[in-house]
C-alpha atoms as a PDB file:
ATOM      1  CA  MET A   1      66.074 253.639 125.272  1.00  0.00           C
ATOM      2  CA  GLU A   2      63.435 251.003 126.051  1.00  0.00           C
ATOM      3  CA  PHE A   3      63.146 247.368 125.132  1.00  0.00           C
ATOM      4  CA  GLU A   4      59.956 245.412 125.062  1.00  0.00           C
ATOM      5  CA  PHE A   5      60.118 241.632 125.109  1.00  0.00           C
ATOM      6  CA  ILE A   6      56.940 240.149 123.735  1.00  0.00           C
ATOM      7  CA  GLY A   7      56.104 236.727 125.138  1.00  0.00           C
ATOM      8  CA  ILE A   8      58.761 236.772 127.868  1.00  0.00           C
ATOM      9  CA  ASP A   9      56.109 236.441 130.589  1.00  0.00           C
ATOM     10  CA  ASP A  10      54.705 233.354 128.871  1.00  0.00           C
ATOM     11  CA  LEU A  11      58.190 231.868 128.618  1.00  0.00           C
ATOM     12  CA  ILE A  12      58.882 232.475 132.311  1.00  0.00           C
ATOM     13  CA  ASP A  13      55.533 230.897 133.251  1.00  0.00           C
ATOM     14  CA  LYS A  14      56.277 227.862 131.095  1.00  0.00           C
ATOM     15  CA  LEU A  15      59.741 227.440 132.640  1.00  0.00           C
ATOM     16  CA  GLU A  16      58.273 227.646 136.145  1.00  0.00           C
ATOM     17  CA  ARG A  17      55.608 225.040 135.283  1.00  0.00           C
ATOM     18  CA  THR A  18      58.243 222.748 133.776  1.00  0.00           C
ATOM     19  CA  GLY A  19      60.385 222.988 136.907  1.00  0.00           C
ATOM     20  CA  HIS A  20      57.351 222.210 139.059  1.00  0.00           C
ATOM     21  CA  GLN A  21      56.462 219.192 136.885  1.00  0.00           C
ATOM     22  CA  VAL A  22      59.998 217.828 137.150  1.00  0.00           C
ATOM     23  CA  GLU A  23      59.922 218.233 140.928  1.00  0.00           C
ATOM     24  CA  GLN A  24      56.581 216.407 141.176  1.00  0.00           C
ATOM     25  CA  GLY A  25      57.742 213.661 138.840  1.00  0.00           C
ATOM     26  CA  LYS A  26      61.037 213.048 140.634  1.00  0.00           C
ATOM     27  CA  ASP A  27      59.548 210.696 143.242  1.00  0.00           C
ATOM     28  CA  GLU A  28      57.578 208.862 140.559  1.00  0.00           C
ATOM     29  CA  ALA A  29      60.768 208.428 138.531  1.00  0.00           C
ATOM     30  CA  VAL A  30      62.723 207.107 141.522  1.00  0.00           C
ATOM     31  CA  LEU A  31      59.920 204.631 142.207  1.00  0.00           C
ATOM     32  CA  GLU A  32      60.029 203.474 138.566  1.00  0.00           C
ATOM     33  CA  GLY A  33      63.759 202.812 138.876  1.00  0.00           C
ATOM     34  CA  ALA A  34      63.177 200.928 142.130  1.00  0.00           C
ATOM     35  CA  LYS A  35      60.597 198.717 140.411  1.00  0.00           C
ATOM     36  CA  VAL A  36      63.196 197.745 137.798  1.00  0.00           C
ATOM     37  CA  MET A  37      65.651 196.871 140.587  1.00  0.00           C
ATOM     38  CA  GLN A  38      62.978 194.889 142.432  1.00  0.00           C
ATOM     39  CA  LYS A  39      62.221 192.848 139.321  1.00  0.00           C
ATOM     40  CA  ALA A  40      65.920 192.165 138.668  1.00  0.00           C
ATOM     41  CA  THR A  41      66.397 191.104 142.291  1.00  0.00           C
ATOM     42  CA  LYS A  42      63.417 188.752 142.195  1.00  0.00           C
ATOM     43  CA  GLU A  43      64.873 187.109 139.092  1.00  0.00           C
ATOM     44  CA  ARG A  44      68.199 186.423 140.864  1.00  0.00           C
ATOM     45  CA  VAL A  45      67.085 185.555 144.395  1.00  0.00           C
ATOM     46  CA  PRO A  46      67.474 181.897 145.518  1.00  0.00           C
ATOM     47  CA  LYS A  47      64.111 180.250 144.917  1.00  0.00           C
ATOM     48  CA  LEU A  48      64.077 177.111 147.053  1.00  0.00           C
ATOM     49  CA  THR A  49      60.940 178.117 148.985  1.00  0.00           C
ATOM     50  CA  ARG A  50      60.196 181.410 147.159  1.00  0.00           C
ATOM     51  CA  ASN A  51      60.032 183.197 150.540  1.00  0.00           C
ATOM     52  CA  LEU A  52      62.857 185.563 149.605  1.00  0.00           C
ATOM     53  CA  GLU A  53      61.297 186.329 146.248  1.00  0.00           C
ATOM     54  CA  MET A  54      57.964 187.195 147.864  1.00  0.00           C
ATOM     55  CA  HIS A  55      59.652 189.519 150.368  1.00  0.00           C
ATOM     56  CA  VAL A  56      61.667 191.778 148.047  1.00  0.00           C
ATOM     57  CA  GLU A  57      60.185 195.169 148.930  1.00  0.00           C
ATOM     58  CA  ILE A  58      60.498 198.826 147.926  1.00  0.00           C
ATOM     59  CA  SER A  59      60.593 201.507 150.604  1.00  0.00           C
ATOM     60  CA  ASP A  60      58.662 204.736 150.332  1.00  0.00           C
ATOM     61  CA  VAL A  61      60.461 207.491 148.438  1.00  0.00           C
ATOM     62  CA  LYS A  62      62.053 209.869 150.920  1.00  0.00           C
ATOM     63  CA  ASP A  63      64.326 212.790 150.022  1.00  0.00           C
ATOM     64  CA  GLY A  64      64.482 211.574 146.420  1.00  0.00           C
ATOM     65  CA  GLU A  65      65.638 208.073 147.367  1.00  0.00           C
ATOM     66  CA  ALA A  66      64.027 204.643 147.607  1.00  0.00           C
ATOM     67  CA  GLU A  67      65.458 201.362 148.820  1.00  0.00           C
ATOM     68  CA  VAL A  68      64.923 197.882 147.446  1.00  0.00           C
ATOM     69  CA  TYR A  69      65.407 195.354 150.227  1.00  0.00           C
ATOM     70  CA  VAL A  70      64.476 191.891 151.451  1.00  0.00           C
ATOM     71  CA  GLU A  71      62.139 192.082 154.425  1.00  0.00           C
ATOM     72  CA  GLN A  72      64.183 190.731 157.352  1.00  0.00           C
ATOM     73  CA  GLN A  73      61.229 189.858 159.572  1.00  0.00           C
ATOM     74  CA  GLY A  74      59.299 186.617 159.363  1.00  0.00           C
ATOM     75  CA  LYS A  75      60.111 183.830 156.941  1.00  0.00           C
ATOM     76  CA  ALA A  76      62.660 185.715 154.826  1.00  0.00           C
ATOM     77  CA  TYR A  77      65.058 186.552 157.667  1.00  0.00           C
ATOM     78  CA  TYR A  78      67.819 184.506 156.010  1.00  0.00           C
ATOM     79  CA  GLY A  79      68.188 186.763 152.952  1.00  0.00           C
ATOM     80  CA  TYR A  80      71.137 188.545 154.538  1.00  0.00           C
ATOM     81  CA  PHE A  81      72.935 185.226 155.052  1.00  0.00           C
ATOM     82  CA  HIS A  82      72.570 184.387 151.369  1.00  0.00           C
ATOM     83  CA  GLU A  83      73.881 187.798 150.366  1.00  0.00           C
ATOM     84  CA  VAL A  84      77.001 187.899 152.560  1.00  0.00           C
ATOM     85  CA  GLY A  85      77.452 184.283 153.677  1.00  0.00           C
ATOM     86  CA  THR A  86      78.242 182.850 157.104  1.00  0.00           C
ATOM     87  CA  SER A  87      81.137 180.938 158.613  1.00  0.00           C
ATOM     88  CA  LYS A  88      79.583 177.706 157.312  1.00  0.00           C
ATOM     89  CA  MET A  89      77.891 178.890 154.133  1.00  0.00           C
ATOM     90  CA  ARG A  90      79.433 180.649 151.176  1.00  0.00           C
ATOM     91  CA  ALA A  91      77.871 183.900 150.009  1.00  0.00           C
ATOM     92  CA  ARG A  92      75.378 183.660 147.166  1.00  0.00           C
ATOM     93  CA  PRO A  93      74.751 187.340 146.493  1.00  0.00           C
ATOM     94  CA  PHE A  94      71.724 188.415 144.510  1.00  0.00           C
ATOM     95  CA  MET A  95      71.188 192.115 145.324  1.00  0.00           C
ATOM     96  CA  GLY A  96      74.609 193.346 144.178  1.00  0.00           C
ATOM     97  CA  PRO A  97      74.603 191.365 140.928  1.00  0.00           C
ATOM     98  CA  ALA A  98      71.003 192.420 140.248  1.00  0.00           C
ATOM     99  CA  PHE A  99      71.982 196.075 140.610  1.00  0.00           C
ATOM    100  CA  ASN A 100      75.093 195.726 138.464  1.00  0.00           C
ATOM    101  CA  ALA A 101      73.167 193.931 135.724  1.00  0.00           C
ATOM    102  CA  SER A 102      70.315 196.434 135.642  1.00  0.00           C
ATOM    103  CA  LYS A 103      72.022 199.830 136.105  1.00  0.00           C
ATOM    104  CA  MET A 104      71.267 200.932 132.550  1.00  0.00           C
ATOM    105  CA  LYS A 105      67.645 199.739 132.748  1.00  0.00           C
ATOM    106  CA  ILE A 106      67.178 201.613 136.020  1.00  0.00           C
ATOM    107  CA  GLU A 107      68.610 204.818 134.549  1.00  0.00           C
ATOM    108  CA  ARG A 108      66.471 204.412 131.430  1.00  0.00           C
ATOM    109  CA  ALA A 109      63.295 203.875 133.504  1.00  0.00           C
ATOM    110  CA  ILE A 110      63.989 207.013 135.533  1.00  0.00           C
ATOM    111  CA  ALA A 111      64.756 209.083 132.426  1.00  0.00           C
ATOM    112  CA  ASP A 112      61.663 207.784 130.605  1.00  0.00           C
ATOM    113  CA  LYS A 113      59.408 208.670 133.548  1.00  0.00           C
ATOM    114  CA  ILE A 114      60.826 212.200 133.743  1.00  0.00           C
ATOM    115  CA  ARG A 115      60.483 212.589 129.968  1.00  0.00           C
ATOM    116  CA  GLN A 116      56.895 211.362 130.169  1.00  0.00           C
ATOM    117  CA  ARG A 117      56.178 213.820 132.980  1.00  0.00           C
ATOM    118  CA  LEU A 118      57.579 216.719 130.938  1.00  0.00           C
ATOM    119  CA  MET A 119      55.360 215.873 127.968  1.00  0.00           C
ATOM    120  CA  VAL A 120      52.206 216.363 130.052  1.00  0.00           C
END
């Protein structure tokens, strides 16, 4: 008894291409989510001199992860003090609240980028 599957090779090729496209698009999707977080952080950062706002950065994507952070060198060194406070200054966090407020937008941006990549 023999079975012949017509089109199975095409299906396997398509599945392999789809997997490859998802893998390539993963870093792009993570970067898209990081951009949403960066924007949300810039909207919440204390804006007295705008130094903090100008120094909200995104790291390179590494192992499927990216970081949004305030550059600690130069004029924006005090971002950490705003986030966690000091013995003489109360905390005025902006990173944590920005993340909490934009979780759904971040997830949506990542999902949209992957969906877009799969349509190609």
